[in-house]
N, C-alpha and C. Protein backbone atom coordinates (compact mmCIF):
# COMPACT_ATOMS: atom_id res chain seq x y z
N UNK A 1 0.84 -1.18 0.00
CA UNK A 1 0.00 0.00 0.00
C UNK A 1 0.88 1.24 0.00
N UNK A 2 0.38 2.29 -0.64
CA UNK A 2 1.12 3.53 -0.72
C UNK A 2 0.22 4.69 -0.31
N UNK A 3 0.85 5.77 0.05
CA UNK A 3 0.16 7.02 0.26
C UNK A 3 1.03 8.12 -0.30
N UNK A 4 0.40 9.13 -0.86
CA UNK A 4 1.14 10.29 -1.38
C UNK A 4 0.62 11.51 -0.64
N UNK A 5 1.53 12.23 -0.01
CA UNK A 5 1.17 13.44 0.72
C UNK A 5 1.74 14.63 -0.05
N UNK A 6 0.87 15.55 -0.44
CA UNK A 6 1.27 16.75 -1.18
C UNK A 6 1.25 17.93 -0.22
N UNK A 7 2.35 18.67 -0.19
CA UNK A 7 2.49 19.81 0.69
C UNK A 7 2.58 21.09 -0.13
N UNK A 8 1.44 21.71 -0.48
CA UNK A 8 1.50 22.95 -1.27
C UNK A 8 2.04 24.10 -0.44
N UNK A 9 2.45 25.13 -1.12
CA UNK A 9 2.96 26.31 -0.40
C UNK A 9 1.89 26.78 0.57
N UNK A 10 2.29 27.09 1.80
CA UNK A 10 1.37 27.53 2.84
C UNK A 10 0.62 26.39 3.51
N UNK A 11 1.09 25.17 3.33
CA UNK A 11 0.39 24.02 3.88
C UNK A 11 0.29 24.07 5.40
N UNK A 12 1.22 24.76 6.05
CA UNK A 12 1.23 24.80 7.52
C UNK A 12 -0.06 25.39 8.07
N UNK A 13 -0.67 26.32 7.33
CA UNK A 13 -1.92 26.93 7.80
C UNK A 13 -3.15 26.33 7.14
N UNK A 14 -3.01 25.78 5.94
CA UNK A 14 -4.17 25.24 5.21
C UNK A 14 -4.23 23.73 5.24
N UNK A 15 -3.13 23.07 5.58
CA UNK A 15 -3.09 21.62 5.59
C UNK A 15 -2.51 21.04 4.31
N UNK A 16 -2.34 19.74 4.30
CA UNK A 16 -1.78 19.06 3.13
C UNK A 16 -2.81 18.10 2.58
N UNK A 17 -2.57 17.59 1.38
CA UNK A 17 -3.48 16.67 0.70
C UNK A 17 -2.88 15.28 0.74
N UNK A 18 -3.65 14.31 1.18
CA UNK A 18 -3.18 12.93 1.26
C UNK A 18 -4.05 12.06 0.36
N UNK A 19 -3.40 11.19 -0.41
CA UNK A 19 -4.13 10.31 -1.30
C UNK A 19 -3.60 8.89 -1.14
N UNK A 20 -4.50 7.95 -0.88
CA UNK A 20 -4.11 6.54 -0.86
C UNK A 20 -3.79 6.13 -2.28
N UNK A 21 -2.83 5.23 -2.44
CA UNK A 21 -2.39 4.86 -3.78
C UNK A 21 -2.03 3.38 -3.83
N UNK A 22 -2.05 2.85 -5.03
CA UNK A 22 -1.60 1.49 -5.29
C UNK A 22 -0.71 1.52 -6.52
N UNK A 23 0.20 0.57 -6.57
CA UNK A 23 1.08 0.46 -7.73
C UNK A 23 0.34 -0.30 -8.82
N UNK A 24 0.42 0.20 -10.03
CA UNK A 24 -0.25 -0.47 -11.13
C UNK A 24 0.43 -0.16 -12.45
N UNK A 25 0.23 -1.02 -13.41
CA UNK A 25 0.76 -0.79 -14.75
C UNK A 25 -0.39 -0.89 -15.73
N UNK A 26 -0.42 0.03 -16.66
CA UNK A 26 -1.46 0.01 -17.67
C UNK A 26 -2.84 0.21 -17.09
N UNK A 27 -2.94 1.00 -16.03
CA UNK A 27 -4.23 1.22 -15.38
C UNK A 27 -5.07 2.15 -16.25
N UNK A 28 -6.29 1.75 -16.51
CA UNK A 28 -7.21 2.57 -17.28
C UNK A 28 -8.23 3.16 -16.31
N UNK A 29 -8.44 4.46 -16.41
CA UNK A 29 -9.43 5.10 -15.55
C UNK A 29 -10.69 5.44 -16.33
N UNK A 30 -10.80 4.91 -17.54
CA UNK A 30 -12.00 5.15 -18.33
C UNK A 30 -13.22 4.61 -17.59
N UNK A 31 -14.25 5.41 -17.54
CA UNK A 31 -15.53 5.02 -16.92
C UNK A 31 -15.40 4.68 -15.44
N UNK A 32 -14.44 5.28 -14.74
CA UNK A 32 -14.32 5.06 -13.30
C UNK A 32 -14.13 6.39 -12.61
N UNK A 33 -14.15 6.36 -11.30
CA UNK A 33 -13.88 7.56 -10.50
C UNK A 33 -12.43 7.59 -10.04
N UNK A 34 -11.61 6.67 -10.52
CA UNK A 34 -10.22 6.59 -10.11
C UNK A 34 -9.37 7.64 -10.81
N UNK A 35 -8.31 8.02 -10.17
CA UNK A 35 -7.33 8.93 -10.74
C UNK A 35 -6.04 8.15 -10.92
N UNK A 36 -5.41 8.25 -12.08
CA UNK A 36 -4.14 7.55 -12.32
C UNK A 36 -3.07 8.60 -12.59
N UNK A 37 -1.95 8.44 -11.95
CA UNK A 37 -0.81 9.33 -12.15
C UNK A 37 0.45 8.47 -12.24
N UNK A 38 1.39 8.95 -13.03
CA UNK A 38 2.67 8.28 -13.15
C UNK A 38 3.71 9.14 -12.46
N UNK A 39 4.46 8.54 -11.57
CA UNK A 39 5.54 9.26 -10.90
C UNK A 39 6.78 9.13 -11.79
N UNK A 40 7.36 10.26 -12.19
CA UNK A 40 8.52 10.18 -13.08
C UNK A 40 9.74 9.64 -12.35
N UNK A 41 10.74 9.17 -13.10
CA UNK A 41 11.98 8.73 -12.45
C UNK A 41 12.61 9.92 -11.71
N UNK A 42 12.92 9.73 -10.47
CA UNK A 42 13.50 10.79 -9.64
C UNK A 42 14.60 10.20 -8.77
N UNK A 43 15.38 11.08 -8.18
CA UNK A 43 16.34 10.66 -7.15
C UNK A 43 15.60 10.78 -5.82
N UNK A 44 15.72 9.74 -4.99
CA UNK A 44 14.97 9.68 -3.74
C UNK A 44 15.89 9.49 -2.55
N UNK A 45 15.51 10.06 -1.43
CA UNK A 45 16.09 9.69 -0.14
C UNK A 45 15.04 8.80 0.52
N UNK A 46 15.50 7.72 1.13
CA UNK A 46 14.57 6.78 1.75
C UNK A 46 14.84 6.71 3.25
N UNK A 47 13.77 6.82 4.02
CA UNK A 47 13.83 6.70 5.47
C UNK A 47 12.84 5.62 5.86
N UNK A 48 13.10 4.94 6.96
CA UNK A 48 12.18 3.92 7.44
C UNK A 48 11.63 4.36 8.78
N UNK A 49 10.31 4.47 8.84
CA UNK A 49 9.62 4.78 10.09
C UNK A 49 9.16 3.45 10.68
N UNK A 50 9.62 3.13 11.87
CA UNK A 50 9.20 1.92 12.56
C UNK A 50 8.23 2.30 13.67
N UNK A 51 7.05 1.73 13.61
CA UNK A 51 6.04 2.03 14.61
C UNK A 51 4.74 2.44 13.95
N UNK A 52 3.75 2.77 14.75
CA UNK A 52 2.43 3.10 14.20
C UNK A 52 2.44 4.42 13.41
N UNK A 53 1.49 4.54 12.49
CA UNK A 53 1.40 5.73 11.67
C UNK A 53 1.15 6.98 12.51
N UNK A 54 0.50 6.84 13.65
CA UNK A 54 0.19 8.00 14.48
C UNK A 54 1.46 8.70 14.98
N UNK A 55 2.62 8.02 14.92
CA UNK A 55 3.88 8.67 15.33
C UNK A 55 4.74 9.04 14.12
N UNK A 56 4.19 8.91 12.93
CA UNK A 56 4.94 9.24 11.71
C UNK A 56 5.41 10.68 11.70
N UNK A 57 4.64 11.58 12.32
CA UNK A 57 5.03 12.99 12.34
C UNK A 57 6.41 13.20 12.97
N UNK A 58 6.83 12.32 13.88
CA UNK A 58 8.15 12.45 14.49
C UNK A 58 9.25 12.18 13.46
N UNK A 59 9.06 11.17 12.61
CA UNK A 59 10.03 10.88 11.56
C UNK A 59 10.06 12.01 10.54
N UNK A 60 8.88 12.50 10.15
CA UNK A 60 8.81 13.61 9.18
C UNK A 60 9.45 14.87 9.74
N UNK A 61 9.25 15.12 11.02
CA UNK A 61 9.86 16.28 11.66
C UNK A 61 11.39 16.18 11.58
N UNK A 62 11.93 15.00 11.86
CA UNK A 62 13.37 14.80 11.75
C UNK A 62 13.85 15.03 10.31
N UNK A 63 13.15 14.43 9.35
CA UNK A 63 13.55 14.55 7.95
C UNK A 63 13.60 16.02 7.51
N UNK A 64 12.51 16.75 7.76
CA UNK A 64 12.40 18.11 7.24
C UNK A 64 13.11 19.17 8.07
N UNK A 65 13.27 18.94 9.37
CA UNK A 65 13.87 19.97 10.23
C UNK A 65 15.30 19.69 10.65
N UNK A 66 15.76 18.45 10.46
CA UNK A 66 17.14 18.11 10.82
C UNK A 66 17.92 17.60 9.61
N UNK A 67 17.46 16.48 9.04
CA UNK A 67 18.23 15.87 7.96
C UNK A 67 18.33 16.75 6.73
N UNK A 68 17.21 17.24 6.22
CA UNK A 68 17.21 18.00 4.98
C UNK A 68 18.07 19.27 5.08
N UNK A 69 17.94 20.08 6.13
CA UNK A 69 18.81 21.26 6.21
C UNK A 69 20.30 20.91 6.31
N UNK A 70 20.64 19.83 6.99
CA UNK A 70 22.04 19.44 7.13
C UNK A 70 22.59 18.73 5.89
N UNK A 71 21.72 18.26 5.02
CA UNK A 71 22.16 17.48 3.86
C UNK A 71 22.59 18.36 2.69
N UNK A 72 22.27 19.63 2.72
CA UNK A 72 22.52 20.54 1.59
C UNK A 72 21.79 20.08 0.33
N UNK A 73 20.71 19.36 0.48
CA UNK A 73 19.88 18.93 -0.64
C UNK A 73 18.55 19.67 -0.58
N UNK A 74 17.85 19.66 -1.70
CA UNK A 74 16.55 20.33 -1.77
C UNK A 74 15.53 19.37 -2.36
N UNK A 75 14.28 19.57 -1.99
CA UNK A 75 13.21 18.75 -2.55
C UNK A 75 13.01 19.11 -4.01
N UNK A 76 12.75 18.09 -4.84
CA UNK A 76 12.45 18.36 -6.24
C UNK A 76 10.94 18.48 -6.48
N UNK A 77 10.16 17.98 -5.56
CA UNK A 77 8.69 18.03 -5.65
C UNK A 77 8.15 18.32 -4.25
N UNK A 78 6.96 18.94 -4.17
CA UNK A 78 6.39 19.25 -2.85
C UNK A 78 5.56 18.11 -2.29
N UNK A 79 6.03 16.87 -2.45
CA UNK A 79 5.28 15.74 -1.93
C UNK A 79 6.23 14.62 -1.50
N UNK A 80 5.66 13.68 -0.75
CA UNK A 80 6.41 12.51 -0.33
C UNK A 80 5.57 11.27 -0.64
N UNK A 81 6.23 10.13 -0.71
CA UNK A 81 5.54 8.85 -0.91
C UNK A 81 5.75 8.01 0.34
N UNK A 82 4.68 7.45 0.84
CA UNK A 82 4.73 6.53 1.98
C UNK A 82 4.45 5.13 1.44
N UNK A 83 5.30 4.18 1.77
CA UNK A 83 5.10 2.79 1.35
C UNK A 83 4.94 1.95 2.61
N UNK A 84 3.75 1.41 2.79
CA UNK A 84 3.45 0.58 3.96
C UNK A 84 3.88 -0.84 3.64
N UNK A 85 5.03 -1.24 4.16
CA UNK A 85 5.60 -2.51 3.73
C UNK A 85 5.49 -3.64 4.74
N UNK A 86 5.25 -3.34 6.00
CA UNK A 86 5.16 -4.43 6.97
C UNK A 86 4.18 -4.05 8.07
N UNK A 87 3.25 -4.90 8.36
CA UNK A 87 2.31 -4.65 9.44
C UNK A 87 1.21 -3.69 9.03
N UNK A 88 0.27 -3.52 9.91
CA UNK A 88 -0.81 -2.58 9.67
C UNK A 88 -0.36 -1.18 10.10
N UNK A 89 -0.99 -0.17 9.56
CA UNK A 89 -0.57 1.21 9.81
C UNK A 89 -0.56 1.57 11.30
N UNK A 90 -1.46 0.98 12.09
CA UNK A 90 -1.51 1.33 13.51
C UNK A 90 -0.86 0.29 14.41
N UNK A 91 -0.17 -0.64 13.82
CA UNK A 91 0.53 -1.70 14.54
C UNK A 91 1.87 -1.15 15.03
N UNK A 92 2.24 -1.42 16.27
CA UNK A 92 3.53 -0.94 16.80
C UNK A 92 4.71 -1.51 16.04
N UNK A 93 4.52 -2.63 15.34
CA UNK A 93 5.62 -3.25 14.58
C UNK A 93 5.59 -2.86 13.10
N UNK A 94 4.74 -1.91 12.73
CA UNK A 94 4.64 -1.50 11.32
C UNK A 94 5.94 -0.84 10.87
N UNK A 95 6.21 -0.98 9.59
CA UNK A 95 7.35 -0.29 8.98
C UNK A 95 6.84 0.45 7.75
N UNK A 96 7.15 1.72 7.68
CA UNK A 96 6.71 2.57 6.58
C UNK A 96 7.95 3.19 5.95
N UNK A 97 8.14 2.95 4.65
CA UNK A 97 9.21 3.63 3.92
C UNK A 97 8.72 5.03 3.58
N UNK A 98 9.54 6.02 3.85
CA UNK A 98 9.24 7.40 3.49
C UNK A 98 10.22 7.77 2.38
N UNK A 99 9.68 8.11 1.22
CA UNK A 99 10.50 8.45 0.06
C UNK A 99 10.38 9.94 -0.21
N UNK A 100 11.53 10.62 -0.22
CA UNK A 100 11.60 12.06 -0.40
C UNK A 100 12.26 12.35 -1.74
N UNK A 101 11.56 13.02 -2.69
CA UNK A 101 12.18 13.32 -3.98
C UNK A 101 13.18 14.47 -3.86
N UNK A 102 14.38 14.24 -4.37
CA UNK A 102 15.45 15.23 -4.22
C UNK A 102 15.90 15.78 -5.58
N UNK A 103 16.30 17.05 -5.57
CA UNK A 103 16.95 17.61 -6.75
C UNK A 103 18.30 16.95 -6.93
N UNK A 104 18.77 16.92 -8.13
CA UNK A 104 20.11 16.39 -8.39
C UNK A 104 21.13 17.29 -7.69
N UNK A 105 22.17 16.72 -7.06
CA UNK A 105 23.16 17.55 -6.38
C UNK A 105 23.95 18.37 -7.39
N UNK A 106 24.39 19.57 -6.98
CA UNK A 106 25.22 20.38 -7.88
C UNK A 106 26.55 19.69 -8.14
N UNK A 107 27.06 19.89 -9.32
CA UNK A 107 28.35 19.25 -9.68
C UNK A 107 29.49 20.18 -9.42
């Protein structure tokens, strides 16, 4: 299972948009209410959040307020991808991959 969280400018006061997602190939949205999007090839930083989704904000806080400023890297898109790979979202043993799209480093 996947989730995509979009953080538009000013999201801190207006909130962010979250969309549940699934991986698919050749998905047709004709005659359905589904939305299909293709994520382009990007460079990603990957973090693993261990624990329930309700504590995910702690991992995101570290990524955006500690790791990203110290890494000298910048986001290439205003969104992140969450990949729920083990356990249920509210299970203490859950593992969620957090994928952060990054700009290419300067040469």
